[in-house]
Amino acid sequence: MAERYLEITLVKRGITCTARLLDDRAPITCEAVWKSLPLSGDVYHAKYARNEIYALFPPFAESEPPLENPTVTPIPGDLCYFSFAGTELGTGAYGYDREVRPGTTVVDLALFYERNNLLLNGDVGWVPGIVWGQVVDGLDAMAEGCNDLWRTGAAGETLSFRPA
C-alpha cells in the first residue's frame, strides 16, 4: 500500500501540518479515519494529558477499532484516536457538555505537539490511545499555534483533518 498523508489545520490561525498515516501499525484505525475524511470540529486543549489538542466527533467507523498500536505516553507529532462513552466525558468540568451526553459515544482525534505527555485521567485512570499517524512536516509551527491556543483560548477555533 502506498503511504497516505493528511493535513491537520487550525483553521482560524491558518496553521497546517502534514502527517503520515501509520497503516503498518494501526491499519484498522487508519482505514476508519481515512474513509471519514474530511473531518473538522471545535478544537480543545487538554487539561490532563498536557501538550495535546483534539476535536470530538460522532462515531464514524462501522465498529470501533481495537486498541492497536497503543500508548499512554504519546510523543510530539503523534496522532491518537480515542473512543469514549458519554458517561466518561459528559460533564461541564471537561468543557464539552454541549457535544457529549450520557448514552452516546464520542471519538476524540488528538494531536500531541510537545514532550512529557501522560494519558492519565483522575476520574477513570489510564486512558490508552491508538497512535494512527505521525506529523512529518510543520510540527514546529503547529506547536507554536497550540501554545497560543493554550494561552489565549480555543473559542472559535476549528481543528480540521483532510487528505493531503
Protein backbone atom coordinates (compact mmCIF):
# COMPACT_ATOMS: atom_id res chain seq x y z
CA MET A 1 0.00 0.00 0.00
CA ALA A 2 1.27 3.47 -0.86
CA GLU A 3 1.85 5.81 2.04
CA ARG A 4 -1.09 8.07 2.85
CA TYR A 5 -0.88 11.60 4.20
CA LEU A 6 -3.30 14.09 5.68
CA GLU A 7 -3.27 17.76 6.54
CA ILE A 8 -4.23 18.92 10.01
CA THR A 9 -5.20 22.57 10.29
CA LEU A 10 -6.00 25.09 12.98
CA VAL A 11 -8.36 26.91 10.64
CA LYS A 12 -8.70 30.35 12.26
CA ARG A 13 -4.96 30.57 12.88
CA GLY A 14 -4.16 29.33 9.35
CA ILE A 15 -1.61 26.77 10.58
CA THR A 16 -1.28 23.42 8.83
CA CYS A 17 0.94 20.40 9.35
CA THR A 18 1.22 17.17 7.39
CA ALA A 19 1.03 13.68 8.90
CA ARG A 20 1.68 10.20 7.57
CA LEU A 21 -0.84 7.52 8.43
CA LEU A 22 0.71 4.55 10.24
CA ASP A 23 -1.05 1.92 8.13
CA ASP A 24 1.55 -0.68 9.11
CA ARG A 25 0.91 -0.25 12.86
CA ALA A 26 -2.77 0.71 13.08
CA PRO A 27 -4.38 -0.43 9.82
CA ILE A 28 -7.97 -0.66 11.08
CA THR A 29 -7.90 2.76 12.72
CA CYS A 30 -6.18 4.38 9.73
CA GLU A 31 -8.76 2.98 7.33
CA ALA A 32 -11.67 4.14 9.52
CA VAL A 33 -10.27 7.67 9.78
CA TRP A 34 -9.30 7.85 6.09
CA LYS A 35 -12.78 6.82 4.94
CA SER A 36 -14.35 9.53 7.14
CA LEU A 37 -12.23 12.45 5.88
CA PRO A 38 -12.64 15.37 5.78
CA LEU A 39 -13.43 15.95 9.45
CA SER A 40 -13.49 19.20 11.38
CA GLY A 41 -14.77 20.35 14.74
CA ASP A 42 -14.25 22.68 17.66
CA VAL A 43 -10.73 22.33 19.00
CA TYR A 44 -9.95 21.74 22.67
CA HIS A 45 -6.69 21.86 24.57
CA ALA A 46 -6.11 19.01 27.02
CA LYS A 47 -6.41 19.55 30.76
CA TYR A 48 -4.71 16.36 31.93
CA ALA A 49 -2.61 14.91 29.10
CA ARG A 50 -0.64 18.16 28.84
CA ASN A 51 0.52 19.04 25.28
CA GLU A 52 -2.49 17.88 23.30
CA ILE A 53 -5.17 19.44 21.12
CA TYR A 54 -8.17 17.50 19.89
CA ALA A 55 -11.62 17.60 18.34
CA LEU A 56 -14.63 15.41 19.14
CA PHE A 57 -16.73 13.57 16.55
CA PRO A 58 -19.68 11.19 16.44
CA PRO A 59 -18.54 7.61 15.78
CA PHE A 60 -17.67 7.13 12.11
CA ALA A 61 -16.29 3.58 11.93
CA GLU A 62 -18.52 0.60 11.20
CA SER A 63 -17.30 -0.71 14.57
CA GLU A 64 -14.82 0.86 16.95
CA PRO A 65 -11.22 -0.08 16.16
CA PRO A 66 -9.39 -2.41 18.53
CA LEU A 67 -6.62 -0.97 20.67
CA GLU A 68 -3.87 -1.28 18.04
CA ASN A 69 -0.51 0.46 18.46
CA PRO A 70 -1.49 1.71 21.94
CA THR A 71 0.31 4.25 24.09
CA VAL A 72 -0.15 6.16 27.34
CA THR A 73 2.95 8.29 26.66
CA PRO A 74 2.48 9.96 23.24
CA ILE A 75 5.44 11.80 21.75
CA PRO A 76 5.50 15.06 19.76
CA GLY A 77 3.73 14.61 16.44
CA ASP A 78 1.65 11.59 17.45
CA LEU A 79 -1.95 11.47 16.27
CA CYS A 80 -4.11 9.44 18.66
CA TYR A 81 -7.61 8.02 18.42
CA PHE A 82 -9.80 7.61 21.50
CA SER A 83 -13.37 6.43 21.88
CA PHE A 84 -15.36 7.39 24.98
CA ALA A 85 -18.82 6.70 26.32
CA GLY A 86 -20.73 9.89 27.10
CA THR A 87 -20.80 8.94 30.77
CA GLU A 88 -17.00 9.19 30.83
CA LEU A 89 -16.89 12.74 29.47
CA GLY A 90 -20.42 14.14 29.65
CA THR A 91 -19.81 16.81 32.26
CA GLY A 92 -19.26 20.55 32.16
CA ALA A 93 -16.00 20.04 34.07
CA TYR A 94 -14.39 18.80 30.87
CA GLY A 95 -15.77 21.63 28.77
CA TYR A 96 -17.60 19.55 26.20
CA ASP A 97 -21.01 19.17 27.77
CA ARG A 98 -22.55 20.51 24.52
CA GLU A 99 -21.26 17.63 22.39
CA VAL A 100 -21.18 14.73 24.84
CA ARG A 101 -24.13 13.33 26.74
CA PRO A 102 -24.69 10.14 28.72
CA GLY A 103 -25.78 7.31 26.44
CA THR A 104 -23.67 8.46 23.50
CA THR A 105 -20.24 7.59 22.17
CA VAL A 106 -17.70 10.15 21.05
CA VAL A 107 -14.48 9.83 19.06
CA ASP A 108 -11.56 12.04 20.05
CA LEU A 109 -8.89 12.70 17.40
CA ALA A 110 -5.85 14.23 19.07
CA LEU A 111 -2.53 15.75 18.08
CA PHE A 112 0.34 15.83 20.58
CA TYR A 113 2.73 18.69 19.94
CA GLU A 114 5.37 18.57 22.67
CA ARG A 115 7.07 16.10 25.06
CA ASN A 116 6.11 14.84 28.53
CA ASN A 117 2.53 13.72 27.92
CA LEU A 118 0.83 11.17 30.14
CA LEU A 119 -2.61 9.74 29.41
CA LEU A 120 -3.83 9.51 32.99
CA ASN A 121 -7.25 10.86 33.92
CA GLY A 122 -8.06 11.44 37.58
CA ASP A 123 -11.61 10.14 37.12
CA VAL A 124 -11.01 6.94 35.16
CA GLY A 125 -7.27 6.15 35.36
CA TRP A 126 -5.09 5.20 32.40
CA VAL A 127 -6.53 6.15 29.01
CA PRO A 128 -4.55 4.39 26.27
CA GLY A 129 -4.79 5.90 22.82
CA ILE A 130 -4.28 4.39 19.39
CA VAL A 131 -1.33 6.02 17.60
CA TRP A 132 -2.51 6.12 13.99
CA GLY A 133 -0.43 8.93 12.48
CA GLN A 134 2.78 10.92 12.85
CA VAL A 135 3.37 14.53 11.86
CA VAL A 136 6.15 14.66 9.27
CA ASP A 137 6.11 18.36 8.34
CA GLY A 138 5.10 21.58 10.07
CA LEU A 139 5.15 20.42 13.70
CA ASP A 140 7.11 23.47 14.93
CA ALA A 141 4.56 25.93 13.53
CA MET A 142 1.68 23.77 14.80
CA ALA A 143 3.23 23.61 18.28
CA GLU A 144 3.53 27.40 18.31
CA GLY A 145 -0.16 27.65 17.37
CA CYS A 146 -1.12 25.11 20.04
CA ASN A 147 0.75 27.08 22.70
CA ASP A 148 -1.06 30.21 21.56
CA LEU A 149 -4.35 28.32 21.77
CA TRP A 150 -3.45 27.30 25.35
CA ARG A 151 -2.64 30.88 26.36
CA THR A 152 -5.37 32.80 24.52
CA GLY A 153 -8.16 30.23 24.32
CA ALA A 154 -9.74 27.84 21.88
CA ALA A 155 -13.12 29.55 21.45
CA GLY A 156 -13.93 29.99 17.77
CA GLU A 157 -11.07 27.78 16.56
CA THR A 158 -11.58 24.66 14.44
CA LEU A 159 -9.36 21.61 14.05
CA SER A 160 -9.57 20.10 10.57
CA PHE A 161 -8.33 16.77 9.15
CA ARG A 162 -8.30 16.19 5.36
CA PRO A 163 -6.35 14.14 2.82
CA ALA A 164 -3.11 15.76 1.69
